[in-house]
N, C-alpha and C. Protein backbone atom coordinates (compact mmCIF):
# COMPACT_ATOMS: atom_id res chain seq x y z
N MET A 1 35.94 21.29 -21.54
CA MET A 1 34.97 21.36 -20.48
C MET A 1 34.95 22.77 -19.93
N ASN A 2 33.77 23.35 -19.81
CA ASN A 2 33.70 24.72 -19.31
C ASN A 2 33.59 24.72 -17.78
N GLY A 3 33.54 25.88 -17.17
CA GLY A 3 33.54 26.01 -15.72
C GLY A 3 32.24 25.58 -15.05
N ARG A 4 31.17 25.45 -15.82
CA ARG A 4 29.89 25.08 -15.22
C ARG A 4 29.70 23.57 -15.12
N SER A 5 30.45 22.80 -15.79
CA SER A 5 30.28 21.34 -15.80
C SER A 5 30.39 20.70 -14.42
N PRO A 6 31.38 21.04 -13.59
CA PRO A 6 31.45 20.41 -12.27
C PRO A 6 30.24 20.77 -11.40
N SER A 7 29.73 22.00 -11.52
CA SER A 7 28.58 22.35 -10.69
C SER A 7 27.31 21.64 -11.17
N ILE A 8 27.18 21.43 -12.47
CA ILE A 8 26.02 20.69 -12.99
C ILE A 8 26.09 19.24 -12.56
N ILE A 9 27.27 18.66 -12.63
CA ILE A 9 27.44 17.26 -12.19
C ILE A 9 27.13 17.14 -10.70
N ALA A 10 27.58 18.07 -9.89
CA ALA A 10 27.31 18.05 -8.46
C ALA A 10 25.81 18.18 -8.19
N LEU A 11 25.15 19.07 -8.92
CA LEU A 11 23.71 19.26 -8.76
C LEU A 11 22.95 17.99 -9.14
N LEU A 12 23.32 17.36 -10.24
CA LEU A 12 22.68 16.11 -10.66
C LEU A 12 22.89 15.01 -9.62
N ALA A 13 24.07 14.96 -9.04
CA ALA A 13 24.35 13.95 -8.00
C ALA A 13 23.47 14.17 -6.78
N VAL A 14 23.30 15.42 -6.36
CA VAL A 14 22.45 15.73 -5.20
C VAL A 14 21.00 15.36 -5.49
N VAL A 15 20.50 15.70 -6.67
CA VAL A 15 19.13 15.37 -7.06
C VAL A 15 18.94 13.86 -7.10
N ALA A 16 19.90 13.15 -7.65
CA ALA A 16 19.80 11.70 -7.74
C ALA A 16 19.78 11.06 -6.36
N LEU A 17 20.57 11.59 -5.44
CA LEU A 17 20.63 11.01 -4.11
C LEU A 17 19.41 11.35 -3.26
N THR A 18 18.84 12.50 -3.44
CA THR A 18 17.73 12.91 -2.58
C THR A 18 16.36 12.71 -3.20
N GLY A 19 16.20 13.03 -4.48
CA GLY A 19 14.87 13.03 -5.07
C GLY A 19 14.43 11.74 -5.70
N CYS A 20 15.31 10.93 -6.19
CA CYS A 20 14.93 9.76 -6.95
C CYS A 20 14.95 8.48 -6.14
N GLY A 21 15.43 8.54 -4.93
CA GLY A 21 15.55 7.33 -4.15
C GLY A 21 14.22 6.70 -3.75
N SER A 22 13.16 7.49 -3.61
CA SER A 22 11.89 6.93 -3.16
C SER A 22 10.87 6.82 -4.28
N TYR A 23 11.25 7.14 -5.49
CA TYR A 23 10.31 7.09 -6.60
C TYR A 23 10.25 5.67 -7.14
N HIS A 24 9.03 5.16 -7.33
CA HIS A 24 8.84 3.80 -7.83
C HIS A 24 8.17 3.86 -9.19
N VAL A 25 8.54 2.95 -10.06
CA VAL A 25 8.02 2.92 -11.41
C VAL A 25 7.39 1.56 -11.66
N GLY A 26 6.29 1.56 -12.41
CA GLY A 26 5.67 0.32 -12.83
C GLY A 26 4.37 0.05 -12.09
N PRO A 27 3.49 -0.75 -12.71
CA PRO A 27 2.19 -1.00 -12.11
C PRO A 27 2.23 -1.80 -10.82
N ASN A 28 3.22 -2.66 -10.65
CA ASN A 28 3.29 -3.46 -9.44
C ASN A 28 3.61 -2.64 -8.20
N GLU A 29 4.15 -1.45 -8.39
CA GLU A 29 4.46 -0.59 -7.25
C GLU A 29 3.20 0.02 -6.65
N LEU A 30 2.07 -0.11 -7.33
CA LEU A 30 0.82 0.42 -6.81
C LEU A 30 0.20 -0.49 -5.76
N PHE A 31 0.72 -1.70 -5.63
CA PHE A 31 0.13 -2.70 -4.77
C PHE A 31 1.05 -3.01 -3.59
N PRO A 32 0.50 -3.53 -2.50
CA PRO A 32 1.32 -3.81 -1.32
C PRO A 32 2.47 -4.77 -1.64
N PRO A 33 3.66 -4.47 -1.16
CA PRO A 33 4.80 -5.36 -1.43
C PRO A 33 4.66 -6.66 -0.63
N GLY A 34 5.18 -7.72 -1.19
CA GLY A 34 5.19 -9.00 -0.49
C GLY A 34 3.90 -9.78 -0.60
N ILE A 35 2.91 -9.25 -1.29
CA ILE A 35 1.65 -9.97 -1.45
C ILE A 35 1.49 -10.33 -2.92
N ARG A 36 1.39 -11.64 -3.14
CA ARG A 36 1.20 -12.13 -4.50
C ARG A 36 -0.07 -12.93 -4.65
N THR A 37 -0.55 -13.51 -3.55
CA THR A 37 -1.73 -14.35 -3.61
C THR A 37 -2.80 -13.85 -2.65
N VAL A 38 -4.06 -14.10 -3.02
CA VAL A 38 -5.21 -13.70 -2.22
C VAL A 38 -6.16 -14.88 -2.10
N TYR A 39 -6.59 -15.15 -0.90
CA TYR A 39 -7.62 -16.16 -0.65
C TYR A 39 -8.93 -15.41 -0.44
N VAL A 40 -9.95 -15.77 -1.21
CA VAL A 40 -11.26 -15.13 -1.10
C VAL A 40 -12.29 -16.19 -0.73
N PRO A 41 -12.58 -16.34 0.58
CA PRO A 41 -13.63 -17.28 0.96
C PRO A 41 -14.99 -16.76 0.53
N LEU A 42 -15.97 -17.62 0.49
CA LEU A 42 -17.33 -17.26 0.11
C LEU A 42 -17.83 -16.12 0.99
N PHE A 43 -18.28 -15.03 0.36
CA PHE A 43 -18.81 -13.90 1.12
C PHE A 43 -20.08 -14.32 1.85
N GLU A 44 -20.21 -13.88 3.07
CA GLU A 44 -21.42 -14.15 3.84
C GLU A 44 -22.50 -13.16 3.42
N SER A 45 -23.74 -13.51 3.72
CA SER A 45 -24.84 -12.64 3.32
C SER A 45 -25.93 -12.65 4.37
N ASP A 46 -26.37 -11.45 4.76
CA ASP A 46 -27.49 -11.31 5.68
C ASP A 46 -28.81 -11.20 4.93
N SER A 47 -28.78 -11.36 3.63
CA SER A 47 -29.97 -11.24 2.79
C SER A 47 -30.73 -12.56 2.73
N TYR A 48 -32.02 -12.46 2.55
CA TYR A 48 -32.83 -13.66 2.35
C TYR A 48 -32.83 -14.11 0.90
N ARG A 49 -32.32 -13.27 0.02
CA ARG A 49 -32.24 -13.66 -1.38
C ARG A 49 -31.06 -14.61 -1.56
N ARG A 50 -31.32 -15.70 -2.22
CA ARG A 50 -30.31 -16.75 -2.36
C ARG A 50 -29.19 -16.34 -3.31
N ASN A 51 -28.02 -16.84 -3.04
CA ASN A 51 -26.84 -16.78 -3.90
C ASN A 51 -26.18 -15.41 -4.03
N LEU A 52 -26.61 -14.39 -3.32
CA LEU A 52 -25.96 -13.09 -3.45
C LEU A 52 -24.50 -13.15 -3.01
N GLY A 53 -24.24 -13.84 -1.92
CA GLY A 53 -22.85 -13.99 -1.45
C GLY A 53 -21.99 -14.71 -2.47
N LEU A 54 -22.53 -15.75 -3.06
CA LEU A 54 -21.81 -16.51 -4.09
C LEU A 54 -21.56 -15.64 -5.32
N TRP A 55 -22.56 -14.90 -5.77
CA TRP A 55 -22.41 -14.05 -6.95
C TRP A 55 -21.37 -12.95 -6.72
N LEU A 56 -21.41 -12.35 -5.52
CA LEU A 56 -20.44 -11.30 -5.24
C LEU A 56 -19.03 -11.88 -5.16
N THR A 57 -18.88 -13.04 -4.55
CA THR A 57 -17.56 -13.69 -4.47
C THR A 57 -17.00 -13.95 -5.86
N GLU A 58 -17.83 -14.51 -6.74
CA GLU A 58 -17.39 -14.78 -8.11
C GLU A 58 -16.98 -13.50 -8.84
N ALA A 59 -17.77 -12.45 -8.68
CA ALA A 59 -17.47 -11.18 -9.34
C ALA A 59 -16.16 -10.59 -8.81
N VAL A 60 -15.94 -10.68 -7.50
CA VAL A 60 -14.72 -10.14 -6.89
C VAL A 60 -13.49 -10.92 -7.39
N VAL A 61 -13.58 -12.22 -7.43
CA VAL A 61 -12.46 -13.05 -7.91
C VAL A 61 -12.10 -12.67 -9.35
N LYS A 62 -13.11 -12.53 -10.20
CA LYS A 62 -12.86 -12.15 -11.59
C LYS A 62 -12.18 -10.79 -11.69
N GLN A 63 -12.63 -9.84 -10.89
CA GLN A 63 -12.06 -8.50 -10.94
C GLN A 63 -10.63 -8.48 -10.39
N ILE A 64 -10.37 -9.22 -9.32
CA ILE A 64 -9.00 -9.28 -8.79
C ILE A 64 -8.06 -9.85 -9.83
N GLU A 65 -8.49 -10.92 -10.48
CA GLU A 65 -7.65 -11.56 -11.49
C GLU A 65 -7.41 -10.65 -12.69
N SER A 66 -8.39 -9.83 -13.05
CA SER A 66 -8.23 -9.00 -14.25
C SER A 66 -7.65 -7.61 -13.97
N GLN A 67 -7.85 -7.05 -12.77
CA GLN A 67 -7.41 -5.68 -12.48
C GLN A 67 -6.11 -5.60 -11.68
N THR A 68 -5.69 -6.67 -11.06
CA THR A 68 -4.54 -6.61 -10.17
C THR A 68 -3.50 -7.66 -10.57
N PRO A 69 -2.30 -7.56 -10.02
CA PRO A 69 -1.29 -8.59 -10.31
C PRO A 69 -1.43 -9.82 -9.41
N PHE A 70 -2.44 -9.83 -8.53
CA PHE A 70 -2.58 -10.92 -7.57
C PHE A 70 -3.22 -12.14 -8.21
N LYS A 71 -2.84 -13.29 -7.68
CA LYS A 71 -3.42 -14.57 -8.08
C LYS A 71 -4.35 -15.01 -6.96
N VAL A 72 -5.59 -15.31 -7.30
CA VAL A 72 -6.54 -15.81 -6.31
C VAL A 72 -6.32 -17.31 -6.17
N VAL A 73 -6.12 -17.75 -4.93
CA VAL A 73 -5.85 -19.16 -4.66
C VAL A 73 -6.90 -19.72 -3.70
N PRO A 74 -7.10 -21.04 -3.73
CA PRO A 74 -8.13 -21.64 -2.88
C PRO A 74 -7.64 -22.04 -1.50
N SER A 75 -6.57 -21.43 -1.03
CA SER A 75 -5.97 -21.84 0.24
C SER A 75 -5.89 -20.68 1.22
N PRO A 76 -6.29 -20.91 2.48
CA PRO A 76 -6.18 -19.85 3.49
C PRO A 76 -4.73 -19.52 3.85
N THR A 77 -3.76 -20.27 3.32
CA THR A 77 -2.35 -19.97 3.59
C THR A 77 -1.78 -18.99 2.56
N ALA A 78 -2.63 -18.30 1.84
CA ALA A 78 -2.18 -17.31 0.86
C ALA A 78 -1.51 -16.15 1.57
N ASP A 79 -0.90 -15.26 0.79
CA ASP A 79 -0.25 -14.08 1.35
C ASP A 79 -1.25 -13.13 2.01
N SER A 80 -2.51 -13.19 1.57
CA SER A 80 -3.54 -12.32 2.13
C SER A 80 -4.90 -12.99 2.02
N VAL A 81 -5.86 -12.46 2.80
CA VAL A 81 -7.22 -12.98 2.80
C VAL A 81 -8.17 -11.80 2.66
N LEU A 82 -9.12 -11.93 1.73
CA LEU A 82 -10.13 -10.90 1.51
C LEU A 82 -11.48 -11.49 1.91
N THR A 83 -12.08 -10.95 2.95
CA THR A 83 -13.37 -11.44 3.41
C THR A 83 -14.45 -10.38 3.19
N GLY A 84 -15.68 -10.83 3.09
CA GLY A 84 -16.76 -9.89 2.88
C GLY A 84 -18.09 -10.40 3.40
N ARG A 85 -18.99 -9.46 3.60
CA ARG A 85 -20.33 -9.79 4.08
C ARG A 85 -21.31 -8.80 3.47
N ILE A 86 -22.40 -9.32 2.90
CA ILE A 86 -23.48 -8.46 2.42
C ILE A 86 -24.36 -8.13 3.62
N LEU A 87 -24.45 -6.84 3.93
CA LEU A 87 -25.19 -6.38 5.10
C LEU A 87 -26.63 -6.03 4.78
N LEU A 88 -26.86 -5.56 3.57
CA LEU A 88 -28.17 -5.04 3.21
C LEU A 88 -28.46 -5.35 1.76
N ASP A 89 -29.69 -5.74 1.50
CA ASP A 89 -30.16 -6.00 0.15
C ASP A 89 -31.59 -5.47 0.12
N ARG A 90 -31.76 -4.33 -0.53
CA ARG A 90 -33.06 -3.66 -0.46
C ARG A 90 -33.61 -3.35 -1.84
N LYS A 91 -34.89 -3.60 -2.00
CA LYS A 91 -35.61 -3.24 -3.22
C LYS A 91 -36.72 -2.27 -2.82
N GLN A 92 -36.82 -1.15 -3.54
CA GLN A 92 -37.86 -0.18 -3.21
C GLN A 92 -38.42 0.44 -4.48
N THR A 93 -39.69 0.79 -4.42
CA THR A 93 -40.34 1.44 -5.55
C THR A 93 -39.93 2.91 -5.56
N VAL A 94 -39.44 3.36 -6.70
CA VAL A 94 -39.01 4.75 -6.85
C VAL A 94 -40.13 5.57 -7.48
N ALA A 95 -40.83 4.99 -8.47
CA ALA A 95 -41.93 5.70 -9.13
C ALA A 95 -43.03 4.70 -9.49
N GLU A 96 -44.30 5.18 -9.40
CA GLU A 96 -45.46 4.36 -9.73
C GLU A 96 -46.27 5.03 -10.82
N ASN A 97 -47.09 4.23 -11.52
CA ASN A 97 -48.00 4.81 -12.50
C ASN A 97 -49.32 5.17 -11.81
N ALA A 98 -50.31 5.57 -12.57
CA ALA A 98 -51.59 6.00 -11.99
C ALA A 98 -52.33 4.86 -11.29
N ASN A 99 -52.00 3.62 -11.61
CA ASN A 99 -52.65 2.46 -11.00
C ASN A 99 -51.84 1.88 -9.83
N ASP A 100 -50.90 2.65 -9.33
CA ASP A 100 -50.03 2.22 -8.23
C ASP A 100 -49.15 1.02 -8.57
N GLU A 101 -48.87 0.83 -9.83
CA GLU A 101 -47.95 -0.22 -10.24
C GLU A 101 -46.55 0.38 -10.35
N PRO A 102 -45.54 -0.36 -9.92
CA PRO A 102 -44.18 0.18 -9.98
C PRO A 102 -43.71 0.39 -11.42
N ARG A 103 -43.21 1.57 -11.70
CA ARG A 103 -42.65 1.88 -13.01
C ARG A 103 -41.13 1.90 -12.95
N LEU A 104 -40.61 2.31 -11.82
CA LEU A 104 -39.16 2.39 -11.63
C LEU A 104 -38.86 1.84 -10.24
N ILE A 105 -37.98 0.86 -10.19
CA ILE A 105 -37.65 0.20 -8.92
C ILE A 105 -36.16 0.36 -8.66
N GLY A 106 -35.83 0.66 -7.43
CA GLY A 106 -34.43 0.78 -7.05
C GLY A 106 -33.98 -0.44 -6.28
N HIS A 107 -32.75 -0.79 -6.47
CA HIS A 107 -32.18 -1.92 -5.73
C HIS A 107 -30.83 -1.48 -5.18
N SER A 108 -30.61 -1.69 -3.90
CA SER A 108 -29.33 -1.31 -3.31
C SER A 108 -28.77 -2.45 -2.47
N ILE A 109 -27.46 -2.50 -2.44
CA ILE A 109 -26.74 -3.52 -1.68
C ILE A 109 -25.64 -2.81 -0.89
N ALA A 110 -25.50 -3.20 0.35
CA ALA A 110 -24.40 -2.71 1.18
C ALA A 110 -23.57 -3.93 1.60
N ALA A 111 -22.27 -3.79 1.47
CA ALA A 111 -21.37 -4.88 1.85
C ALA A 111 -20.15 -4.29 2.55
N VAL A 112 -19.59 -5.06 3.46
CA VAL A 112 -18.35 -4.65 4.11
C VAL A 112 -17.28 -5.68 3.73
N VAL A 113 -16.09 -5.16 3.42
CA VAL A 113 -14.99 -6.00 2.96
C VAL A 113 -13.75 -5.70 3.78
N SER A 114 -13.03 -6.75 4.17
CA SER A 114 -11.78 -6.60 4.91
C SER A 114 -10.69 -7.39 4.20
N TRP A 115 -9.53 -6.77 4.09
CA TRP A 115 -8.39 -7.42 3.45
C TRP A 115 -7.25 -7.46 4.45
N TYR A 116 -6.80 -8.68 4.77
CA TYR A 116 -5.76 -8.89 5.77
C TYR A 116 -4.53 -9.53 5.14
N ALA A 117 -3.36 -9.11 5.59
CA ALA A 117 -2.12 -9.78 5.22
C ALA A 117 -2.01 -11.07 6.03
N ARG A 118 -1.14 -11.95 5.63
CA ARG A 118 -0.97 -13.24 6.32
C ARG A 118 -0.62 -13.05 7.80
N ASP A 119 0.12 -11.98 8.11
CA ASP A 119 0.52 -11.73 9.50
C ASP A 119 -0.60 -11.11 10.35
N GLY A 120 -1.81 -10.96 9.77
CA GLY A 120 -2.94 -10.42 10.51
C GLY A 120 -3.11 -8.91 10.39
N ARG A 121 -2.19 -8.25 9.72
CA ARG A 121 -2.26 -6.80 9.54
C ARG A 121 -3.41 -6.46 8.60
N LEU A 122 -4.26 -5.51 9.03
CA LEU A 122 -5.38 -5.08 8.21
C LEU A 122 -4.87 -4.15 7.11
N LEU A 123 -5.05 -4.55 5.85
CA LEU A 123 -4.63 -3.74 4.72
C LEU A 123 -5.70 -2.70 4.37
N TYR A 124 -6.94 -3.11 4.38
CA TYR A 124 -8.04 -2.15 4.28
C TYR A 124 -9.34 -2.79 4.69
N GLN A 125 -10.24 -1.94 5.12
CA GLN A 125 -11.60 -2.35 5.44
C GLN A 125 -12.52 -1.23 4.97
N ARG A 126 -13.56 -1.62 4.28
CA ARG A 126 -14.43 -0.59 3.71
C ARG A 126 -15.85 -1.11 3.55
N ARG A 127 -16.78 -0.19 3.70
CA ARG A 127 -18.18 -0.49 3.44
C ARG A 127 -18.54 0.09 2.07
N PHE A 128 -19.23 -0.69 1.28
CA PHE A 128 -19.67 -0.28 -0.04
C PHE A 128 -21.19 -0.22 -0.04
N ASP A 129 -21.75 0.90 -0.42
CA ASP A 129 -23.19 1.08 -0.56
C ASP A 129 -23.45 1.53 -1.99
N LEU A 130 -23.97 0.64 -2.81
CA LEU A 130 -24.23 0.97 -4.21
C LEU A 130 -25.63 0.54 -4.59
N GLY A 131 -26.17 1.20 -5.58
CA GLY A 131 -27.52 0.86 -6.02
C GLY A 131 -27.67 0.98 -7.51
N ALA A 132 -28.79 0.47 -7.99
CA ALA A 132 -29.15 0.55 -9.41
C ALA A 132 -30.66 0.66 -9.49
N GLU A 133 -31.14 1.16 -10.60
CA GLU A 133 -32.58 1.24 -10.84
C GLU A 133 -32.91 0.42 -12.07
N PHE A 134 -34.12 -0.15 -12.08
CA PHE A 134 -34.53 -0.91 -13.24
C PHE A 134 -36.00 -0.66 -13.53
N LEU A 135 -36.38 -0.89 -14.78
CA LEU A 135 -37.73 -0.66 -15.27
C LEU A 135 -38.39 -2.00 -15.57
N PRO A 136 -39.30 -2.47 -14.70
CA PRO A 136 -39.95 -3.76 -14.96
C PRO A 136 -40.74 -3.78 -16.27
N GLU A 137 -41.32 -2.64 -16.65
CA GLU A 137 -42.13 -2.60 -17.87
C GLU A 137 -41.31 -2.83 -19.13
N SER A 138 -40.02 -2.52 -19.07
CA SER A 138 -39.19 -2.70 -20.27
C SER A 138 -38.46 -4.04 -20.26
N GLY A 139 -38.82 -4.90 -19.34
CA GLY A 139 -38.24 -6.23 -19.31
C GLY A 139 -37.06 -6.40 -18.38
N GLN A 140 -36.66 -5.34 -17.72
CA GLN A 140 -35.57 -5.48 -16.76
C GLN A 140 -36.10 -6.17 -15.51
N SER A 141 -35.20 -6.85 -14.81
CA SER A 141 -35.62 -7.61 -13.64
C SER A 141 -34.74 -7.29 -12.43
N LEU A 142 -35.19 -7.77 -11.28
CA LEU A 142 -34.40 -7.61 -10.07
C LEU A 142 -33.04 -8.28 -10.21
N THR A 143 -33.01 -9.43 -10.85
CA THR A 143 -31.75 -10.14 -11.04
C THR A 143 -30.77 -9.32 -11.86
N THR A 144 -31.26 -8.63 -12.88
CA THR A 144 -30.41 -7.76 -13.69
C THR A 144 -29.82 -6.65 -12.84
N ALA A 145 -30.66 -6.02 -12.02
CA ALA A 145 -30.19 -4.94 -11.16
C ALA A 145 -29.21 -5.46 -10.12
N GLN A 146 -29.48 -6.63 -9.53
CA GLN A 146 -28.56 -7.22 -8.55
C GLN A 146 -27.20 -7.45 -9.18
N GLN A 147 -27.19 -8.04 -10.35
CA GLN A 147 -25.93 -8.35 -11.02
C GLN A 147 -25.15 -7.07 -11.32
N GLU A 148 -25.84 -6.03 -11.74
CA GLU A 148 -25.19 -4.75 -12.02
C GLU A 148 -24.54 -4.19 -10.76
N VAL A 149 -25.27 -4.22 -9.64
CA VAL A 149 -24.73 -3.69 -8.39
C VAL A 149 -23.56 -4.53 -7.91
N LEU A 150 -23.68 -5.85 -7.96
CA LEU A 150 -22.61 -6.73 -7.50
C LEU A 150 -21.34 -6.53 -8.33
N GLU A 151 -21.48 -6.36 -9.63
CA GLU A 151 -20.30 -6.13 -10.47
C GLU A 151 -19.66 -4.79 -10.17
N ARG A 152 -20.45 -3.77 -9.89
CA ARG A 152 -19.89 -2.46 -9.52
C ARG A 152 -19.14 -2.55 -8.20
N ILE A 153 -19.71 -3.27 -7.23
CA ILE A 153 -19.03 -3.46 -5.94
C ILE A 153 -17.72 -4.21 -6.15
N ALA A 154 -17.74 -5.25 -6.98
CA ALA A 154 -16.52 -6.04 -7.24
C ALA A 154 -15.43 -5.18 -7.87
N ARG A 155 -15.80 -4.30 -8.81
CA ARG A 155 -14.81 -3.41 -9.43
C ARG A 155 -14.23 -2.45 -8.39
N GLU A 156 -15.07 -1.95 -7.50
CA GLU A 156 -14.61 -1.05 -6.43
C GLU A 156 -13.64 -1.78 -5.50
N ILE A 157 -13.98 -3.01 -5.12
CA ILE A 157 -13.13 -3.78 -4.21
C ILE A 157 -11.75 -3.99 -4.82
N ALA A 158 -11.71 -4.47 -6.05
CA ALA A 158 -10.41 -4.71 -6.71
C ALA A 158 -9.66 -3.40 -6.90
N GLY A 159 -10.35 -2.34 -7.21
CA GLY A 159 -9.70 -1.04 -7.38
C GLY A 159 -9.09 -0.53 -6.09
N ARG A 160 -9.66 -0.87 -4.96
CA ARG A 160 -9.15 -0.42 -3.66
C ARG A 160 -7.93 -1.20 -3.20
N MET A 161 -7.53 -2.21 -3.95
CA MET A 161 -6.36 -3.00 -3.57
C MET A 161 -5.06 -2.31 -3.96
N GLU A 162 -5.16 -1.15 -4.61
CA GLU A 162 -3.96 -0.39 -4.94
C GLU A 162 -3.40 0.27 -3.69
N ARG A 163 -2.12 0.50 -3.70
CA ARG A 163 -1.42 1.05 -2.54
C ARG A 163 -2.01 2.38 -2.08
N ALA A 164 -2.47 3.20 -3.00
CA ALA A 164 -2.99 4.51 -2.64
C ALA A 164 -4.21 4.42 -1.70
N ASP A 165 -4.89 3.29 -1.71
CA ASP A 165 -6.12 3.16 -0.93
C ASP A 165 -5.94 2.43 0.40
N TRP A 166 -4.78 1.91 0.65
CA TRP A 166 -4.64 1.20 1.93
C TRP A 166 -3.71 1.88 2.80
């Protein structure tokens, strides 16, 4: 053993005690500790278009199940509750042809989502404003655009359940 070995061992011990104690490894460390289940009640909707709240709820449940380690359960006694409300559902003409017929239509949805722990602590709250455009002449419909926007919002919601975002 040479003369540098004790100093290297001492240095490694200091690094191990100070630098590695707070480092976490693995995908589950990205999510809040102590939460394994999520209750997602039907999202409310201020829109006059039917089923938007239901469609968004279904999309969010699918994304939570596929993107996170959480299990969605049908009970309000879960470890956490994710609630949401569609605030805005707007369709507007973006471009018209020479006969004033819509050629390009935009559709946007705004929703607010809150995620609470069982003890009432707010884990995150966020407003999502997303939109899509569709071409009626090529066979696209409002329903197609709505579904695209709702799926994008659902992916954003599930993605925000990581620790870095709350």
